[in-house]
Amino acid sequence: ISLTIASLEADRLGVALIPHTCQATNLSARHPGDRLNLECDILAKHVEKLVQAMNLAPAGLQVDRLREQGF
């Protein structure tokens, strides 16, 4: 499924779910604190490569640096 990030904190991620997602998957059976496998989409990988190519993140992708650049 595709999740939309609704909130992002240092150690927490909040997502928005449409009712169909809850009905058609087992995600509604999950509880806060449950472990899940999350994978970044291909766009995130391209952004990381672009940032590295622009020498914005010589030591790896950094969230603070992305924010400074308007991401």
N, C-alpha and C. Protein backbone atom coordinates (compact mmCIF):
# COMPACT_ATOMS: atom_id res chain seq x y z
N ILE A 1 0.85 -1.18 0.00
CA ILE A 1 0.00 0.00 0.00
C ILE A 1 0.88 1.23 0.00
N SER A 2 0.32 2.35 -0.33
CA SER A 2 1.01 3.62 -0.30
C SER A 2 0.49 4.41 0.89
N LEU A 3 1.41 4.85 1.74
CA LEU A 3 1.04 5.62 2.92
C LEU A 3 1.38 7.09 2.73
N THR A 4 0.55 7.95 3.21
CA THR A 4 0.80 9.38 3.19
C THR A 4 1.26 9.81 4.58
N ILE A 5 2.43 10.43 4.66
CA ILE A 5 2.95 10.88 5.94
C ILE A 5 2.11 12.06 6.42
N ALA A 6 1.53 11.92 7.62
CA ALA A 6 0.71 12.98 8.20
C ALA A 6 1.47 13.77 9.25
N SER A 7 2.42 13.12 9.91
CA SER A 7 3.24 13.79 10.91
C SER A 7 4.58 13.07 11.02
N LEU A 8 5.59 13.82 11.37
CA LEU A 8 6.94 13.26 11.48
C LEU A 8 7.63 13.89 12.67
N GLU A 9 8.04 13.06 13.61
CA GLU A 9 8.76 13.52 14.79
C GLU A 9 10.07 12.75 14.85
N ALA A 10 10.87 13.03 15.84
CA ALA A 10 12.18 12.40 15.94
C ALA A 10 12.10 10.88 15.93
N ASP A 11 11.13 10.31 16.64
CA ASP A 11 11.05 8.85 16.74
C ASP A 11 9.67 8.31 16.40
N ARG A 12 8.83 9.12 15.73
CA ARG A 12 7.48 8.68 15.41
C ARG A 12 7.09 9.14 14.01
N LEU A 13 6.31 8.31 13.37
CA LEU A 13 5.80 8.60 12.04
C LEU A 13 4.30 8.40 12.06
N GLY A 14 3.55 9.42 11.68
CA GLY A 14 2.10 9.31 11.59
C GLY A 14 1.69 9.26 10.13
N VAL A 15 0.76 8.39 9.81
CA VAL A 15 0.31 8.25 8.43
C VAL A 15 -1.20 8.44 8.33
N ALA A 16 -1.65 8.88 7.16
CA ALA A 16 -3.08 9.02 6.89
C ALA A 16 -3.53 7.80 6.10
N LEU A 17 -4.64 7.22 6.53
CA LEU A 17 -5.17 6.04 5.86
C LEU A 17 -6.58 6.34 5.34
N ILE A 18 -6.85 5.93 4.14
CA ILE A 18 -8.21 6.04 3.63
C ILE A 18 -8.98 4.79 4.06
N PRO A 19 -10.29 4.89 4.22
CA PRO A 19 -11.08 3.74 4.70
C PRO A 19 -10.87 2.48 3.86
N HIS A 20 -10.74 2.61 2.55
CA HIS A 20 -10.56 1.43 1.70
C HIS A 20 -9.28 0.67 2.08
N THR A 21 -8.21 1.39 2.41
CA THR A 21 -6.97 0.74 2.81
C THR A 21 -7.18 -0.10 4.06
N CYS A 22 -7.91 0.45 5.01
CA CYS A 22 -8.17 -0.30 6.25
C CYS A 22 -9.02 -1.53 5.99
N GLN A 23 -9.96 -1.43 5.05
CA GLN A 23 -10.85 -2.56 4.75
C GLN A 23 -10.15 -3.64 3.91
N ALA A 24 -9.26 -3.24 3.03
CA ALA A 24 -8.68 -4.17 2.07
C ALA A 24 -7.33 -4.75 2.51
N THR A 25 -6.82 -4.32 3.65
CA THR A 25 -5.53 -4.83 4.12
C THR A 25 -5.65 -5.23 5.58
N ASN A 26 -4.57 -5.76 6.13
CA ASN A 26 -4.57 -6.11 7.56
C ASN A 26 -3.99 -4.98 8.41
N LEU A 27 -3.82 -3.81 7.82
CA LEU A 27 -3.22 -2.69 8.54
C LEU A 27 -4.08 -2.24 9.72
N SER A 28 -5.38 -2.39 9.63
CA SER A 28 -6.25 -1.97 10.74
C SER A 28 -6.04 -2.82 11.99
N ALA A 29 -5.40 -3.98 11.85
CA ALA A 29 -5.13 -4.84 13.00
C ALA A 29 -3.84 -4.43 13.73
N ARG A 30 -3.11 -3.48 13.17
CA ARG A 30 -1.86 -3.02 13.78
C ARG A 30 -2.15 -2.00 14.87
N HIS A 31 -1.23 -1.92 15.82
CA HIS A 31 -1.38 -1.01 16.95
C HIS A 31 -0.12 -0.15 17.06
N PRO A 32 -0.23 1.02 17.70
CA PRO A 32 0.97 1.84 17.92
C PRO A 32 2.06 1.01 18.59
N GLY A 33 3.24 1.09 18.03
CA GLY A 33 4.38 0.34 18.56
C GLY A 33 4.64 -0.96 17.83
N ASP A 34 3.68 -1.44 17.02
CA ASP A 34 3.92 -2.65 16.22
C ASP A 34 5.04 -2.40 15.22
N ARG A 35 5.80 -3.43 14.94
CA ARG A 35 6.88 -3.31 13.96
C ARG A 35 6.32 -3.58 12.57
N LEU A 36 6.75 -2.77 11.62
CA LEU A 36 6.33 -2.91 10.22
C LEU A 36 7.55 -2.81 9.32
N ASN A 37 7.43 -3.32 8.14
CA ASN A 37 8.48 -3.16 7.12
C ASN A 37 8.07 -2.00 6.21
N LEU A 38 8.83 -0.93 6.23
CA LEU A 38 8.56 0.22 5.38
C LEU A 38 9.67 0.35 4.35
N GLU A 39 9.29 0.60 3.13
CA GLU A 39 10.27 0.79 2.06
C GLU A 39 10.05 2.15 1.42
N CYS A 40 11.14 2.86 1.16
CA CYS A 40 11.04 4.15 0.48
C CYS A 40 10.68 3.92 -0.98
N ASP A 41 9.93 4.83 -1.51
CA ASP A 41 9.59 4.71 -2.93
C ASP A 41 10.77 5.16 -3.78
N ILE A 42 10.66 4.95 -5.05
CA ILE A 42 11.74 5.24 -5.97
C ILE A 42 12.06 6.73 -6.01
N LEU A 43 11.07 7.60 -5.79
CA LEU A 43 11.31 9.03 -5.79
C LEU A 43 12.30 9.42 -4.70
N ALA A 44 12.16 8.85 -3.52
CA ALA A 44 13.07 9.15 -2.42
C ALA A 44 14.50 8.77 -2.78
N LYS A 45 14.67 7.67 -3.48
CA LYS A 45 16.01 7.24 -3.89
C LYS A 45 16.60 8.22 -4.90
N HIS A 46 15.76 8.73 -5.80
CA HIS A 46 16.25 9.71 -6.78
C HIS A 46 16.62 11.02 -6.10
N VAL A 47 15.83 11.44 -5.12
CA VAL A 47 16.14 12.67 -4.39
C VAL A 47 17.48 12.52 -3.67
N GLU A 48 17.70 11.37 -3.07
CA GLU A 48 18.96 11.13 -2.37
C GLU A 48 20.14 11.23 -3.34
N LYS A 49 20.03 10.62 -4.50
CA LYS A 49 21.11 10.69 -5.50
C LYS A 49 21.35 12.11 -5.96
N LEU A 50 20.27 12.86 -6.18
CA LEU A 50 20.38 14.24 -6.62
C LEU A 50 21.08 15.09 -5.57
N VAL A 51 20.69 14.92 -4.32
CA VAL A 51 21.30 15.69 -3.24
C VAL A 51 22.79 15.37 -3.13
N GLN A 52 23.15 14.11 -3.27
CA GLN A 52 24.55 13.73 -3.20
C GLN A 52 25.32 14.28 -4.38
N ALA A 53 24.71 14.25 -5.57
CA ALA A 53 25.37 14.78 -6.76
C ALA A 53 25.60 16.28 -6.65
N MET A 54 24.70 16.98 -5.95
CA MET A 54 24.84 18.42 -5.77
C MET A 54 25.76 18.74 -4.60
N ASN A 55 26.33 17.71 -4.01
CA ASN A 55 27.25 17.83 -2.87
C ASN A 55 26.58 18.52 -1.68
N LEU A 56 25.30 18.27 -1.50
CA LEU A 56 24.58 18.84 -0.37
C LEU A 56 24.67 17.95 0.85
N ALA A 57 25.00 16.69 0.63
CA ALA A 57 25.05 15.75 1.75
C ALA A 57 26.26 14.83 1.60
N PRO A 58 27.47 15.36 1.76
CA PRO A 58 28.66 14.53 1.55
C PRO A 58 28.74 13.32 2.48
N ALA A 59 28.11 13.40 3.65
CA ALA A 59 28.16 12.27 4.58
C ALA A 59 26.85 11.49 4.59
N GLY A 60 26.07 11.60 3.53
CA GLY A 60 24.79 10.92 3.47
C GLY A 60 23.64 11.91 3.50
N LEU A 61 22.49 11.44 3.22
CA LEU A 61 21.30 12.28 3.19
C LEU A 61 20.94 12.71 4.60
N GLN A 62 20.74 14.01 4.79
CA GLN A 62 20.42 14.55 6.10
C GLN A 62 19.12 15.33 6.02
N VAL A 63 18.19 15.02 6.91
CA VAL A 63 16.87 15.64 6.89
C VAL A 63 16.97 17.15 7.07
N ASP A 64 17.81 17.61 7.99
CA ASP A 64 17.94 19.05 8.21
C ASP A 64 18.42 19.76 6.96
N ARG A 65 19.35 19.17 6.25
CA ARG A 65 19.87 19.78 5.02
C ARG A 65 18.79 19.82 3.95
N LEU A 66 17.97 18.79 3.85
CA LEU A 66 16.86 18.79 2.90
C LEU A 66 15.88 19.90 3.21
N ARG A 67 15.58 20.09 4.50
CA ARG A 67 14.66 21.16 4.90
C ARG A 67 15.21 22.52 4.50
N GLU A 68 16.52 22.72 4.71
CA GLU A 68 17.15 23.98 4.34
C GLU A 68 17.02 24.25 2.84
N GLN A 69 17.00 23.19 2.03
CA GLN A 69 16.92 23.33 0.59
C GLN A 69 15.48 23.38 0.09
N GLY A 70 14.51 23.34 0.99
CA GLY A 70 13.12 23.48 0.59
C GLY A 70 12.36 22.19 0.37
N PHE A 71 12.95 21.05 0.71
CA PHE A 71 12.25 19.78 0.56
C PHE A 71 11.35 19.52 1.73
